């Protein structure tokens, strides 16, 4: 029974460490984003840029396969 308890404790400790690492990564990502000097882009504009790029890549892939 002690093996199960130890396994559970070790698993919980590993998950806690993983959670802490993720939280640190996320906080750093948010901080970098908040300090990014580039101008903000509206969601609709960003999505239009992504869609245009996808269409360009699809067209390029289609011409490569013909």
N, C-alpha and C. Protein backbone atom coordinates (compact mmCIF):
# COMPACT_ATOMS: atom_id res chain seq x y z
N UNK A 1 0.83 -1.20 0.00
CA UNK A 1 0.00 0.00 0.00
C UNK A 1 0.87 1.26 0.00
N UNK A 2 2.02 1.18 0.62
CA UNK A 2 2.90 2.32 0.66
C UNK A 2 3.38 2.69 -0.73
N UNK A 3 3.57 1.69 -1.61
CA UNK A 3 3.99 1.97 -2.98
C UNK A 3 2.96 2.81 -3.71
N UNK A 4 1.70 2.51 -3.50
CA UNK A 4 0.63 3.27 -4.16
C UNK A 4 0.62 4.70 -3.64
N UNK A 5 0.75 4.87 -2.35
CA UNK A 5 0.78 6.21 -1.76
C UNK A 5 1.97 7.00 -2.29
N UNK A 6 3.12 6.36 -2.34
CA UNK A 6 4.32 7.04 -2.87
C UNK A 6 4.12 7.41 -4.34
N UNK A 7 3.54 6.50 -5.10
CA UNK A 7 3.29 6.77 -6.52
C UNK A 7 2.35 7.96 -6.69
N UNK A 8 1.30 7.99 -5.90
CA UNK A 8 0.36 9.11 -5.96
C UNK A 8 1.02 10.42 -5.55
N UNK A 9 1.81 10.39 -4.50
CA UNK A 9 2.51 11.60 -4.05
C UNK A 9 3.49 12.08 -5.12
N UNK A 10 4.22 11.15 -5.73
CA UNK A 10 5.16 11.52 -6.78
C UNK A 10 4.44 12.10 -7.99
N UNK A 11 3.32 11.49 -8.33
CA UNK A 11 2.53 11.99 -9.45
C UNK A 11 1.99 13.38 -9.18
N UNK A 12 1.52 13.60 -7.97
CA UNK A 12 1.01 14.92 -7.59
C UNK A 12 2.14 15.96 -7.60
N UNK A 13 3.30 15.59 -7.12
CA UNK A 13 4.44 16.51 -7.11
C UNK A 13 4.84 16.86 -8.55
N UNK A 14 4.84 15.85 -9.44
CA UNK A 14 5.20 16.10 -10.84
C UNK A 14 4.17 17.01 -11.49
N UNK A 15 2.90 16.79 -11.21
CA UNK A 15 1.85 17.63 -11.79
C UNK A 15 1.95 19.05 -11.27
N UNK A 16 2.25 19.20 -10.00
CA UNK A 16 2.41 20.54 -9.42
C UNK A 16 3.57 21.27 -10.09
N UNK A 17 4.67 20.56 -10.33
CA UNK A 17 5.82 21.18 -11.00
C UNK A 17 5.45 21.56 -12.43
N UNK A 18 4.71 20.70 -13.10
CA UNK A 18 4.27 20.99 -14.47
C UNK A 18 3.36 22.20 -14.48
N UNK A 19 2.44 22.27 -13.55
CA UNK A 19 1.53 23.41 -13.46
C UNK A 19 2.31 24.70 -13.21
N UNK A 20 3.29 24.65 -12.33
CA UNK A 20 4.08 25.85 -12.02
C UNK A 20 4.88 26.29 -13.24
N UNK A 21 5.45 25.34 -13.97
CA UNK A 21 6.22 25.68 -15.18
C UNK A 21 5.30 26.30 -16.23
N UNK A 22 4.11 25.74 -16.40
CA UNK A 22 3.16 26.28 -17.36
C UNK A 22 2.74 27.70 -16.96
N UNK A 23 2.46 27.89 -15.68
CA UNK A 23 2.05 29.22 -15.22
C UNK A 23 3.15 30.24 -15.46
N UNK A 24 4.39 29.87 -15.20
CA UNK A 24 5.51 30.78 -15.45
C UNK A 24 5.61 31.11 -16.94
N UNK A 25 5.51 30.09 -17.80
CA UNK A 25 5.58 30.30 -19.24
C UNK A 25 4.45 31.23 -19.69
N UNK A 26 3.24 30.99 -19.19
CA UNK A 26 2.08 31.78 -19.59
C UNK A 26 2.25 33.24 -19.14
N UNK A 27 2.69 33.44 -17.91
CA UNK A 27 2.89 34.81 -17.41
C UNK A 27 3.94 35.56 -18.24
N UNK A 28 5.01 34.86 -18.60
CA UNK A 28 6.04 35.49 -19.43
C UNK A 28 5.50 35.84 -20.81
N UNK A 29 4.68 34.96 -21.37
CA UNK A 29 4.08 35.22 -22.68
C UNK A 29 3.16 36.44 -22.62
N UNK A 30 2.36 36.54 -21.59
CA UNK A 30 1.46 37.68 -21.43
C UNK A 30 2.27 38.97 -21.24
N UNK A 31 3.31 38.91 -20.43
CA UNK A 31 4.15 40.09 -20.21
C UNK A 31 4.79 40.56 -21.52
N UNK A 32 5.34 39.61 -22.29
CA UNK A 32 5.93 39.99 -23.59
C UNK A 32 4.88 40.61 -24.48
N UNK A 33 3.69 40.07 -24.48
CA UNK A 33 2.62 40.60 -25.32
C UNK A 33 2.23 42.01 -24.90
N UNK A 34 2.13 42.24 -23.60
CA UNK A 34 1.76 43.56 -23.10
C UNK A 34 2.81 44.62 -23.42
N UNK A 35 4.08 44.19 -23.52
CA UNK A 35 5.17 45.12 -23.80
C UNK A 35 5.56 45.16 -25.28
N UNK A 36 4.83 44.47 -26.11
CA UNK A 36 5.13 44.43 -27.54
C UNK A 36 4.84 45.81 -28.14
N UNK A 37 5.83 46.45 -28.76
CA UNK A 37 5.63 47.81 -29.28
C UNK A 37 4.84 47.87 -30.60
N UNK A 38 4.63 46.72 -31.21
CA UNK A 38 3.90 46.73 -32.48
C UNK A 38 2.45 47.14 -32.26
N UNK A 39 1.84 47.80 -33.25
CA UNK A 39 0.44 48.21 -33.09
C UNK A 39 -0.48 46.99 -33.07
N UNK A 40 -1.56 47.13 -32.35
CA UNK A 40 -2.55 46.06 -32.28
C UNK A 40 -3.25 45.91 -33.62
N UNK A 41 -3.68 44.70 -33.92
CA UNK A 41 -4.43 44.44 -35.16
C UNK A 41 -5.81 43.95 -34.75
N UNK A 42 -6.82 44.52 -35.37
CA UNK A 42 -8.19 44.09 -35.09
C UNK A 42 -8.37 42.62 -35.49
N UNK A 43 -9.22 41.92 -34.77
CA UNK A 43 -9.44 40.49 -35.03
C UNK A 43 -9.83 40.25 -36.48
N UNK A 44 -10.78 41.03 -36.99
CA UNK A 44 -11.23 40.83 -38.37
C UNK A 44 -10.10 41.01 -39.37
N UNK A 45 -9.24 41.99 -39.12
CA UNK A 45 -8.11 42.22 -40.02
C UNK A 45 -7.12 41.07 -39.95
N UNK A 46 -6.84 40.60 -38.74
CA UNK A 46 -5.91 39.48 -38.57
C UNK A 46 -6.45 38.23 -39.27
N UNK A 47 -7.74 37.97 -39.11
CA UNK A 47 -8.33 36.80 -39.75
C UNK A 47 -8.31 36.93 -41.27
N UNK A 48 -8.52 38.13 -41.78
CA UNK A 48 -8.45 38.35 -43.23
C UNK A 48 -7.04 38.09 -43.73
N UNK A 49 -6.02 38.48 -42.98
CA UNK A 49 -4.64 38.22 -43.37
C UNK A 49 -4.34 36.72 -43.37
N UNK A 50 -4.82 36.03 -42.37
CA UNK A 50 -4.61 34.58 -42.30
C UNK A 50 -5.32 33.89 -43.46
N UNK A 51 -6.55 34.27 -43.73
CA UNK A 51 -7.31 33.67 -44.83
C UNK A 51 -6.62 33.93 -46.17
N UNK A 52 -6.11 35.13 -46.38
CA UNK A 52 -5.41 35.45 -47.62
C UNK A 52 -4.15 34.58 -47.76
N UNK A 53 -3.43 34.39 -46.67
CA UNK A 53 -2.23 33.55 -46.70
C UNK A 53 -2.58 32.10 -46.99
N UNK A 54 -3.65 31.61 -46.38
CA UNK A 54 -4.08 30.23 -46.65
C UNK A 54 -4.49 30.06 -48.12
N UNK A 55 -5.20 31.02 -48.64
CA UNK A 55 -5.60 30.95 -50.05
C UNK A 55 -4.36 30.97 -50.96
N UNK A 56 -3.38 31.80 -50.62
CA UNK A 56 -2.15 31.86 -51.41
C UNK A 56 -1.42 30.52 -51.38
N UNK A 57 -1.35 29.91 -50.21
CA UNK A 57 -0.66 28.62 -50.09
C UNK A 57 -1.42 27.52 -50.81
N UNK A 58 -2.75 27.53 -50.74
CA UNK A 58 -3.54 26.53 -51.45
C UNK A 58 -3.34 26.65 -52.95
N UNK A 59 -3.34 27.88 -53.44
CA UNK A 59 -3.15 28.11 -54.87
C UNK A 59 -1.75 27.65 -55.28
N UNK A 60 -0.77 27.93 -54.46
CA UNK A 60 0.60 27.53 -54.76
C UNK A 60 0.72 26.00 -54.77
N UNK A 61 0.10 25.35 -53.81
CA UNK A 61 0.14 23.89 -53.74
C UNK A 61 -0.58 23.28 -54.93
N UNK A 62 -1.68 23.88 -55.35
CA UNK A 62 -2.44 23.35 -56.47
C UNK A 62 -1.63 23.43 -57.77
N UNK A 63 -0.87 24.50 -57.96
CA UNK A 63 -0.07 24.63 -59.17
C UNK A 63 1.14 23.70 -59.14
N UNK A 64 1.61 23.33 -57.96
CA UNK A 64 2.75 22.43 -57.85
C UNK A 64 2.34 21.00 -58.19
N UNK A 65 1.07 20.65 -57.96
CA UNK A 65 0.60 19.27 -58.18
C UNK A 65 0.06 19.06 -59.59
N UNK A 66 -0.04 20.11 -60.36
CA UNK A 66 -0.59 19.96 -61.73
C UNK A 66 0.50 19.66 -62.71
